[in-house]
């Protein structure tokens, strides 16, 4: 289903998936949640993704969740990544 995954930007390097899930669980059950980390490190690259099962929970999260550990974050509906079917040689 389209529009059930949120992109969460402006996360601090200390952000962890468990913290993000705890925050977003306040608006509804989280289906999947993860922060993107630096290769070979546990440091957050500054963004993550949260997937809900219901569109109502997505809409609530967009309205209600604006901060993470006291810092302003950017929450938007995630866009699908377009992948080329043919790879350059």
PDB file of N, CA and C in Angstrom:
ATOM      1  N   UNK A   1       0.841  -1.195   0.000  1.00  0.00           N
ATOM      2  CA  UNK A   1       0.000   0.000   0.000  1.00  0.00           C
ATOM      3  C   UNK A   1       0.876   1.245   0.000  1.00  0.00           C
ATOM      4  N   UNK A   2       0.523   2.180  -0.831  1.00  0.00           N
ATOM      5  CA  UNK A   2       1.315   3.397  -0.954  1.00  0.00           C
ATOM      6  C   UNK A   2       1.060   4.346   0.203  1.00  0.00           C
ATOM      7  N   UNK A   3       2.094   5.092   0.546  1.00  0.00           N
ATOM      8  CA  UNK A   3       1.940   6.143   1.539  1.00  0.00           C
ATOM      9  C   UNK A   3       1.937   5.709   2.982  1.00  0.00           C
ATOM     10  N   UNK A   4       2.364   4.487   3.279  1.00  0.00           N
ATOM     11  CA  UNK A   4       2.364   4.029   4.662  1.00  0.00           C
ATOM     12  C   UNK A   4       3.733   4.154   5.327  1.00  0.00           C
ATOM     13  N   UNK A   5       4.747   4.541   4.554  1.00  0.00           N
ATOM     14  CA  UNK A   5       6.095   4.692   5.100  1.00  0.00           C
ATOM     15  C   UNK A   5       6.461   6.165   5.177  1.00  0.00           C
ATOM     16  N   UNK A   6       7.017   6.544   6.323  1.00  0.00           N
ATOM     17  CA  UNK A   6       7.454   7.920   6.536  1.00  0.00           C
ATOM     18  C   UNK A   6       8.970   8.012   6.482  1.00  0.00           C
ATOM     19  N   UNK A   7       9.454   9.091   5.892  1.00  0.00           N
ATOM     20  CA  UNK A   7      10.872   9.432   5.929  1.00  0.00           C
ATOM     21  C   UNK A   7      11.050  10.387   7.100  1.00  0.00           C
ATOM     22  N   UNK A   8      12.006  10.087   7.962  1.00  0.00           N
ATOM     23  CA  UNK A   8      12.267  10.933   9.127  1.00  0.00           C
ATOM     24  C   UNK A   8      13.679  11.489   8.987  1.00  0.00           C
ATOM     25  N   UNK A   9      13.787  12.798   8.787  1.00  0.00           N
ATOM     26  CA  UNK A   9      15.082  13.437   8.591  1.00  0.00           C
ATOM     27  C   UNK A   9      15.485  14.310   9.763  1.00  0.00           C
ATOM     28  N   UNK A  10      16.740  14.750   9.736  1.00  0.00           N
ATOM     29  CA  UNK A  10      17.330  15.618  10.759  1.00  0.00           C
ATOM     30  C   UNK A  10      17.486  14.902  12.105  1.00  0.00           C
ATOM     31  N   UNK A  11      17.721  13.595  12.058  1.00  0.00           N
ATOM     32  CA  UNK A  11      17.958  12.840  13.289  1.00  0.00           C
ATOM     33  C   UNK A  11      19.406  13.046  13.742  1.00  0.00           C
ATOM     34  N   UNK A  12      19.655  13.043  15.051  1.00  0.00           N
ATOM     35  CA  UNK A  12      21.027  13.187  15.551  1.00  0.00           C
ATOM     36  C   UNK A  12      21.822  11.896  15.329  1.00  0.00           C
ATOM     37  N   UNK A  13      23.158  11.974  15.315  1.00  0.00           N
ATOM     38  CA  UNK A  13      23.994  10.774  15.131  1.00  0.00           C
ATOM     39  C   UNK A  13      23.755   9.702  16.192  1.00  0.00           C
ATOM     40  N   UNK A  14      23.236  10.103  17.340  1.00  0.00           N
ATOM     41  CA  UNK A  14      22.996   9.156  18.436  1.00  0.00           C
ATOM     42  C   UNK A  14      21.667   8.405  18.310  1.00  0.00           C
ATOM     43  N   UNK A  15      20.849   8.739  17.314  1.00  0.00           N
ATOM     44  CA  UNK A  15      19.521   8.125  17.164  1.00  0.00           C
ATOM     45  C   UNK A  15      19.623   6.623  16.924  1.00  0.00           C
ATOM     46  N   UNK A  16      18.715   5.874  17.527  1.00  0.00           N
ATOM     47  CA  UNK A  16      18.658   4.418  17.385  1.00  0.00           C
ATOM     48  C   UNK A  16      17.249   4.012  16.933  1.00  0.00           C
ATOM     49  N   UNK A  17      17.164   2.900  16.244  1.00  0.00           N
ATOM     50  CA  UNK A  17      15.876   2.403  15.737  1.00  0.00           C
ATOM     51  C   UNK A  17      14.861   2.215  16.853  1.00  0.00           C
ATOM     52  N   UNK A  18      15.324   1.700  18.000  1.00  0.00           N
ATOM     53  CA  UNK A  18      14.419   1.447  19.123  1.00  0.00           C
ATOM     54  C   UNK A  18      13.783   2.744  19.626  1.00  0.00           C
ATOM     55  N   UNK A  19      14.574   3.820  19.668  1.00  0.00           N
ATOM     56  CA  UNK A  19      14.062   5.118  20.125  1.00  0.00           C
ATOM     57  C   UNK A  19      13.019   5.647  19.148  1.00  0.00           C
ATOM     58  N   UNK A  20      13.302   5.509  17.867  1.00  0.00           N
ATOM     59  CA  UNK A  20      12.383   5.984  16.834  1.00  0.00           C
ATOM     60  C   UNK A  20      11.065   5.209  16.904  1.00  0.00           C
ATOM     61  N   UNK A  21      11.162   3.905  17.084  1.00  0.00           N
ATOM     62  CA  UNK A  21       9.956   3.081  17.191  1.00  0.00           C
ATOM     63  C   UNK A  21       9.138   3.466  18.419  1.00  0.00           C
ATOM     64  N   UNK A  22       9.804   3.707  19.525  1.00  0.00           N
ATOM     65  CA  UNK A  22       9.106   4.109  20.752  1.00  0.00           C
ATOM     66  C   UNK A  22       8.355   5.424  20.544  1.00  0.00           C
ATOM     67  N   UNK A  23       8.993   6.384  19.887  1.00  0.00           N
ATOM     68  CA  UNK A  23       8.383   7.686  19.624  1.00  0.00           C
ATOM     69  C   UNK A  23       7.151   7.551  18.726  1.00  0.00           C
ATOM     70  N   UNK A  24       7.295   6.848  17.602  1.00  0.00           N
ATOM     71  CA  UNK A  24       6.200   6.753  16.638  1.00  0.00           C
ATOM     72  C   UNK A  24       5.092   5.804  17.097  1.00  0.00           C
ATOM     73  N   UNK A  25       5.380   4.909  18.025  1.00  0.00           N
ATOM     74  CA  UNK A  25       4.354   4.013  18.569  1.00  0.00           C
ATOM     75  C   UNK A  25       3.307   4.777  19.372  1.00  0.00           C
ATOM     76  N   UNK A  26       3.603   6.015  19.717  1.00  0.00           N
ATOM     77  CA  UNK A  26       2.650   6.839  20.454  1.00  0.00           C
ATOM     78  C   UNK A  26       1.421   7.177  19.615  1.00  0.00           C
ATOM     79  N   UNK A  27       1.543   7.124  18.283  1.00  0.00           N
ATOM     80  CA  UNK A  27       0.402   7.449  17.421  1.00  0.00           C
ATOM     81  C   UNK A  27      -0.280   6.212  16.855  1.00  0.00           C
ATOM     82  N   UNK A  28       0.377   5.063  16.920  1.00  0.00           N
ATOM     83  CA  UNK A  28      -0.217   3.833  16.407  1.00  0.00           C
ATOM     84  C   UNK A  28       0.825   2.742  16.290  1.00  0.00           C
ATOM     85  N   UNK A  29       0.373   1.500  16.041  1.00  0.00           N
ATOM     86  CA  UNK A  29       1.311   0.382  15.936  1.00  0.00           C
ATOM     87  C   UNK A  29       2.266   0.550  14.751  1.00  0.00           C
ATOM     88  N   UNK A  30       3.550   0.387  15.025  1.00  0.00           N
ATOM     89  CA  UNK A  30       4.581   0.514  13.996  1.00  0.00           C
ATOM     90  C   UNK A  30       4.847  -0.867  13.402  1.00  0.00           C
ATOM     91  N   UNK A  31       4.774  -0.965  12.075  1.00  0.00           N
ATOM     92  CA  UNK A  31       5.009  -2.233  11.383  1.00  0.00           C
ATOM     93  C   UNK A  31       6.510  -2.488  11.219  1.00  0.00           C
ATOM     94  N   UNK A  32       7.247  -1.439  10.833  1.00  0.00           N
ATOM     95  CA  UNK A  32       8.697  -1.540  10.654  1.00  0.00           C
ATOM     96  C   UNK A  32       9.307  -0.173  10.916  1.00  0.00           C
ATOM     97  N   UNK A  33      10.527  -0.172  11.451  1.00  0.00           N
ATOM     98  CA  UNK A  33      11.171   1.091  11.782  1.00  0.00           C
ATOM     99  C   UNK A  33      12.679   0.887  11.815  1.00  0.00           C
ATOM    100  N   UNK A  34      13.431   1.792  11.188  1.00  0.00           N
ATOM    101  CA  UNK A  34      14.887   1.704  11.282  1.00  0.00           C
ATOM    102  C   UNK A  34      15.535   3.043  10.963  1.00  0.00           C
ATOM    103  N   UNK A  35      16.693   3.275  11.582  1.00  0.00           N
ATOM    104  CA  UNK A  35      17.508   4.429  11.222  1.00  0.00           C
ATOM    105  C   UNK A  35      18.607   3.926  10.295  1.00  0.00           C
ATOM    106  N   UNK A  36      19.043   4.770   9.377  1.00  0.00           N
ATOM    107  CA  UNK A  36      20.116   4.416   8.456  1.00  0.00           C
ATOM    108  C   UNK A  36      21.430   4.827   9.109  1.00  0.00           C
ATOM    109  N   UNK A  37      22.367   3.869   9.198  1.00  0.00           N
ATOM    110  CA  UNK A  37      23.630   4.124   9.892  1.00  0.00           C
ATOM    111  C   UNK A  37      24.802   4.199   8.918  1.00  0.00           C
ATOM    112  N   UNK A  38      25.888   4.810   9.402  1.00  0.00           N
ATOM    113  CA  UNK A  38      27.129   4.866   8.631  1.00  0.00           C
ATOM    114  C   UNK A  38      27.665   3.447   8.468  1.00  0.00           C
ATOM    115  N   UNK A  39      28.304   3.159   7.331  1.00  0.00           N
ATOM    116  CA  UNK A  39      28.884   1.829   7.128  1.00  0.00           C
ATOM    117  C   UNK A  39      29.937   1.556   8.181  1.00  0.00           C
ATOM    118  N   UNK A  40      29.860   0.381   8.783  1.00  0.00           N
ATOM    119  CA  UNK A  40      30.836  -0.022   9.781  1.00  0.00           C
ATOM    120  C   UNK A  40      30.727   0.715  11.103  1.00  0.00           C
ATOM    121  N   UNK A  41      29.606   1.388  11.324  1.00  0.00           N
ATOM    122  CA  UNK A  41      29.426   2.184  12.539  1.00  0.00           C
ATOM    123  C   UNK A  41      27.975   2.101  12.987  1.00  0.00           C
ATOM    124  N   UNK A  42      27.725   2.505  14.212  1.00  0.00           N
ATOM    125  CA  UNK A  42      26.349   2.565  14.706  1.00  0.00           C
ATOM    126  C   UNK A  42      25.802   3.986  14.642  1.00  0.00           C
ATOM    127  N   UNK A  43      26.598   4.927  14.140  1.00  0.00           N
ATOM    128  CA  UNK A  43      26.177   6.327  14.074  1.00  0.00           C
ATOM    129  C   UNK A  43      25.104   6.516  13.001  1.00  0.00           C
ATOM    130  N   UNK A  44      24.028   7.164  13.376  1.00  0.00           N
ATOM    131  CA  UNK A  44      22.929   7.455  12.456  1.00  0.00           C
ATOM    132  C   UNK A  44      23.399   8.449  11.394  1.00  0.00           C
ATOM    133  N   UNK A  45      23.005   8.217  10.145  1.00  0.00           N
ATOM    134  CA  UNK A  45      23.356   9.125   9.050  1.00  0.00           C
ATOM    135  C   UNK A  45      22.441  10.349   9.000  1.00  0.00           C
ATOM    136  N   UNK A  46      21.497  10.423   9.944  1.00  0.00           N
ATOM    137  CA  UNK A  46      20.631  11.596  10.007  1.00  0.00           C
ATOM    138  C   UNK A  46      19.217  11.361   9.520  1.00  0.00           C
ATOM    139  N   UNK A  47      18.922  10.116   9.139  1.00  0.00           N
ATOM    140  CA  UNK A  47      17.560   9.840   8.692  1.00  0.00           C
ATOM    141  C   UNK A  47      17.181   8.387   8.949  1.00  0.00           C
ATOM    142  N   UNK A  48      15.875   8.133   8.855  1.00  0.00           N
ATOM    143  CA  UNK A  48      15.356   6.786   9.054  1.00  0.00           C
ATOM    144  C   UNK A  48      13.977   6.664   8.433  1.00  0.00           C
ATOM    145  N   UNK A  49      13.382   5.491   8.581  1.00  0.00           N
ATOM    146  CA  UNK A  49      12.075   5.215   7.993  1.00  0.00           C
ATOM    147  C   UNK A  49      11.177   4.531   9.014  1.00  0.00           C
ATOM    148  N   UNK A  50       9.894   4.880   8.978  1.00  0.00           N
ATOM    149  CA  UNK A  50       8.893   4.265   9.857  1.00  0.00           C
ATOM    150  C   UNK A  50       7.712   3.855   8.983  1.00  0.00           C
ATOM    151  N   UNK A  51       7.287   2.594   9.107  1.00  0.00           N
ATOM    152  CA  UNK A  51       6.149   2.091   8.339  1.00  0.00           C
ATOM    153  C   UNK A  51       5.015   1.727   9.289  1.00  0.00           C
ATOM    154  N   UNK A  52       3.830   2.220   8.957  1.00  0.00           N
ATOM    155  CA  UNK A  52       2.619   1.906   9.712  1.00  0.00           C
ATOM    156  C   UNK A  52       1.744   0.972   8.882  1.00  0.00           C
ATOM    157  N   UNK A  53       0.772   0.341   9.519  1.00  0.00           N
ATOM    158  CA  UNK A  53      -0.183  -0.522   8.814  1.00  0.00           C
ATOM    159  C   UNK A  53      -1.390   0.264   8.316  1.00  0.00           C
ATOM    160  N   UNK A  54      -1.703   1.361   9.020  1.00  0.00           N
ATOM    161  CA  UNK A  54      -2.913   2.119   8.685  1.00  0.00           C
ATOM    162  C   UNK A  54      -2.589   3.561   8.293  1.00  0.00           C
ATOM    163  N   UNK A  55      -3.266   4.033   7.261  1.00  0.00           N
ATOM    164  CA  UNK A  55      -3.074   5.387   6.767  1.00  0.00           C
ATOM    165  C   UNK A  55      -3.401   6.430   7.834  1.00  0.00           C
ATOM    166  N   UNK A  56      -4.381   6.142   8.689  1.00  0.00           N
ATOM    167  CA  UNK A  56      -4.764   7.082   9.753  1.00  0.00           C
ATOM    168  C   UNK A  56      -3.587   7.352  10.696  1.00  0.00           C
ATOM    169  N   UNK A  57      -2.805   6.308  10.979  1.00  0.00           N
ATOM    170  CA  UNK A  57      -1.643   6.466  11.858  1.00  0.00           C
ATOM    171  C   UNK A  57      -0.561   7.312  11.189  1.00  0.00           C
ATOM    172  N   UNK A  58      -0.403   7.140   9.884  1.00  0.00           N
ATOM    173  CA  UNK A  58       0.560   7.949   9.123  1.00  0.00           C
ATOM    174  C   UNK A  58       0.166   9.419   9.210  1.00  0.00           C
ATOM    175  N   UNK A  59      -1.107   9.702   8.979  1.00  0.00           N
ATOM    176  CA  UNK A  59      -1.591  11.082   9.008  1.00  0.00           C
ATOM    177  C   UNK A  59      -1.422  11.701  10.388  1.00  0.00           C
ATOM    178  N   UNK A  60      -1.686  10.920  11.422  1.00  0.00           N
ATOM    179  CA  UNK A  60      -1.508  11.410  12.797  1.00  0.00           C
ATOM    180  C   UNK A  60      -0.042  11.711  13.087  1.00  0.00           C
ATOM    181  N   UNK A  61       0.835  10.820  12.667  1.00  0.00           N
ATOM    182  CA  UNK A  61       2.270  11.012  12.895  1.00  0.00           C
ATOM    183  C   UNK A  61       2.770  12.270  12.184  1.00  0.00           C
ATOM    184  N   UNK A  62       2.296  12.494  10.967  1.00  0.00           N
ATOM    185  CA  UNK A  62       2.702  13.689  10.213  1.00  0.00           C
ATOM    186  C   UNK A  62       2.318  14.970  10.953  1.00  0.00           C
ATOM    187  N   UNK A  63       1.167  14.958  11.616  1.00  0.00           N
ATOM    188  CA  UNK A  63       0.688  16.140  12.340  1.00  0.00           C
ATOM    189  C   UNK A  63       1.324  16.290  13.710  1.00  0.00           C
ATOM    190  N   UNK A  64       1.495  15.171  14.424  1.00  0.00           N
ATOM    191  CA  UNK A  64       1.842  15.236  15.844  1.00  0.00           C
ATOM    192  C   UNK A  64       3.321  15.093  16.185  1.00  0.00           C
ATOM    193  N   UNK A  65       4.090  14.407  15.368  1.00  0.00           N
ATOM    194  CA  UNK A  65       5.493  14.167  15.730  1.00  0.00           C
ATOM    195  C   UNK A  65       6.392  15.158  15.000  1.00  0.00           C
ATOM    196  N   UNK A  66       6.970  16.059  15.782  1.00  0.00           N
ATOM    197  CA  UNK A  66       7.819  17.109  15.206  1.00  0.00           C
ATOM    198  C   UNK A  66       9.193  17.187  15.850  1.00  0.00           C
ATOM    199  N   UNK A  67       9.385  16.484  16.978  1.00  0.00           N
ATOM    200  CA  UNK A  67      10.682  16.535  17.659  1.00  0.00           C
ATOM    201  C   UNK A  67      11.146  15.140  18.069  1.00  0.00           C
ATOM    202  N   UNK A  68      12.466  14.997  18.177  1.00  0.00           N
ATOM    203  CA  UNK A  68      13.101  13.764  18.640  1.00  0.00           C
ATOM    204  C   UNK A  68      14.174  14.174  19.622  1.00  0.00           C
ATOM    205  N   UNK A  69      14.028  13.753  20.869  1.00  0.00           N
ATOM    206  CA  UNK A  69      14.962  14.118  21.940  1.00  0.00           C
ATOM    207  C   UNK A  69      15.193  15.631  22.001  1.00  0.00           C
ATOM    208  N   UNK A  70      14.105  16.391  21.864  1.00  0.00           N
ATOM    209  CA  UNK A  70      14.174  17.842  21.976  1.00  0.00           C
ATOM    210  C   UNK A  70      14.621  18.576  20.727  1.00  0.00           C
ATOM    211  N   UNK A  71      14.969  17.850  19.667  1.00  0.00           N
ATOM    212  CA  UNK A  71      15.411  18.481  18.414  1.00  0.00           C
ATOM    213  C   UNK A  71      14.311  18.374  17.365  1.00  0.00           C
ATOM    214  N   UNK A  72      14.168  19.443  16.568  1.00  0.00           N
ATOM    215  CA  UNK A  72      13.166  19.445  15.501  1.00  0.00           C
ATOM    216  C   UNK A  72      13.580  18.449  14.418  1.00  0.00           C
ATOM    217  N   UNK A  73      12.619  17.627  13.994  1.00  0.00           N
ATOM    218  CA  UNK A  73      12.880  16.660  12.926  1.00  0.00           C
ATOM    219  C   UNK A  73      11.952  16.920  11.751  1.00  0.00           C
ATOM    220  N   UNK A  74      12.295  16.343  10.618  1.00  0.00           N
ATOM    221  CA  UNK A  74      11.519  16.489   9.397  1.00  0.00           C
ATOM    222  C   UNK A  74      10.817  15.157   9.122  1.00  0.00           C
ATOM    223  N   UNK A  75       9.488  15.151   9.121  1.00  0.00           N
ATOM    224  CA  UNK A  75       8.720  13.926   8.878  1.00  0.00           C
ATOM    225  C   UNK A  75       7.875  14.124   7.622  1.00  0.00           C
ATOM    226  N   UNK A  76       8.106  13.286   6.607  1.00  0.00           N
ATOM    227  CA  UNK A  76       7.355  13.361   5.350  1.00  0.00           C
ATOM    228  C   UNK A  76       7.035  11.944   4.875  1.00  0.00           C
ATOM    229  N   UNK A  77       6.086  11.840   3.953  1.00  0.00           N
ATOM    230  CA  UNK A  77       5.783  10.539   3.357  1.00  0.00           C
ATOM    231  C   UNK A  77       6.963  10.161   2.465  1.00  0.00           C
ATOM    232  N   UNK A  78       7.470   8.945   2.638  1.00  0.00           N
ATOM    233  CA  UNK A  78       8.630   8.482   1.864  1.00  0.00           C
ATOM    234  C   UNK A  78       8.250   8.298   0.401  1.00  0.00           C
ATOM    235  N   UNK A  79       9.202   8.609  -0.469  1.00  0.00           N
ATOM    236  CA  UNK A  79       9.003   8.407  -1.905  1.00  0.00           C
ATOM    237  C   UNK A  79       9.668   7.093  -2.293  1.00  0.00           C
ATOM    238  N   UNK A  80       9.058   6.382  -3.223  1.00  0.00           N
ATOM    239  CA  UNK A  80       9.659   5.136  -3.697  1.00  0.00           C
ATOM    240  C   UNK A  80      10.912   5.458  -4.494  1.00  0.00           C
ATOM    241  N   UNK A  81      11.941   4.659  -4.277  1.00  0.00           N
ATOM    242  CA  UNK A  81      13.194   4.841  -5.001  1.00  0.00           C
ATOM    243  C   UNK A  81      13.049   4.177  -6.368  1.00  0.00           C
ATOM    244  N   UNK A  82      13.330   4.941  -7.413  1.00  0.00           N
ATOM    245  CA  UNK A  82      13.262   4.381  -8.758  1.00  0.00           C
ATOM    246  C   UNK A  82      14.564   3.653  -9.039  1.00  0.00           C
ATOM    247  N   UNK A  83      14.448   2.441  -9.515  1.00  0.00           N
ATOM    248  CA  UNK A  83      15.645   1.657  -9.820  1.00  0.00           C
ATOM    249  C   UNK A  83      15.666   1.351 -11.306  1.00  0.00           C
ATOM    250  N   UNK A  84      16.843   1.492 -11.889  1.00  0.00           N
ATOM    251  CA  UNK A  84      16.996   1.142 -13.300  1.00  0.00           C
ATOM    252  C   UNK A  84      16.986  -0.372 -13.437  1.00  0.00           C
ATOM    253  N   UNK A  85      16.249  -0.863 -14.428  1.00  0.00           N
ATOM    254  CA  UNK A  85      16.204  -2.310 -14.640  1.00  0.00           C
ATOM    255  C   UNK A  85      17.451  -2.786 -15.366  1.00  0.00           C
ATOM    256  N   UNK A  86      18.084  -1.897 -16.126  1.00  0.00           N
ATOM    257  CA  UNK A  86      19.324  -2.268 -16.809  1.00  0.00           C
ATOM    258  C   UNK A  86      20.473  -1.539 -16.148  1.00  0.00           C
ATOM    259  N   UNK A  87      21.534  -2.263 -15.885  1.00  0.00           N
ATOM    260  CA  UNK A  87      22.688  -1.658 -15.226  1.00  0.00           C
ATOM    261  C   UNK A  87      23.714  -1.255 -16.272  1.00  0.00           C
ATOM    262  N   UNK A  88      24.371  -0.137 -16.032  1.00  0.00           N
ATOM    263  CA  UNK A  88      25.420   0.323 -16.939  1.00  0.00           C
ATOM    264  C   UNK A  88      26.613  -0.618 -16.848  1.00  0.00           C
ATOM    265  N   UNK A  89      27.224  -0.883 -17.991  1.00  0.00           N
ATOM    266  CA  UNK A  89      28.385  -1.791 -18.004  1.00  0.00           C
ATOM    267  C   UNK A  89      29.671  -1.026 -18.065  1.00  0.00           C
TER     268      UNK A  89
END
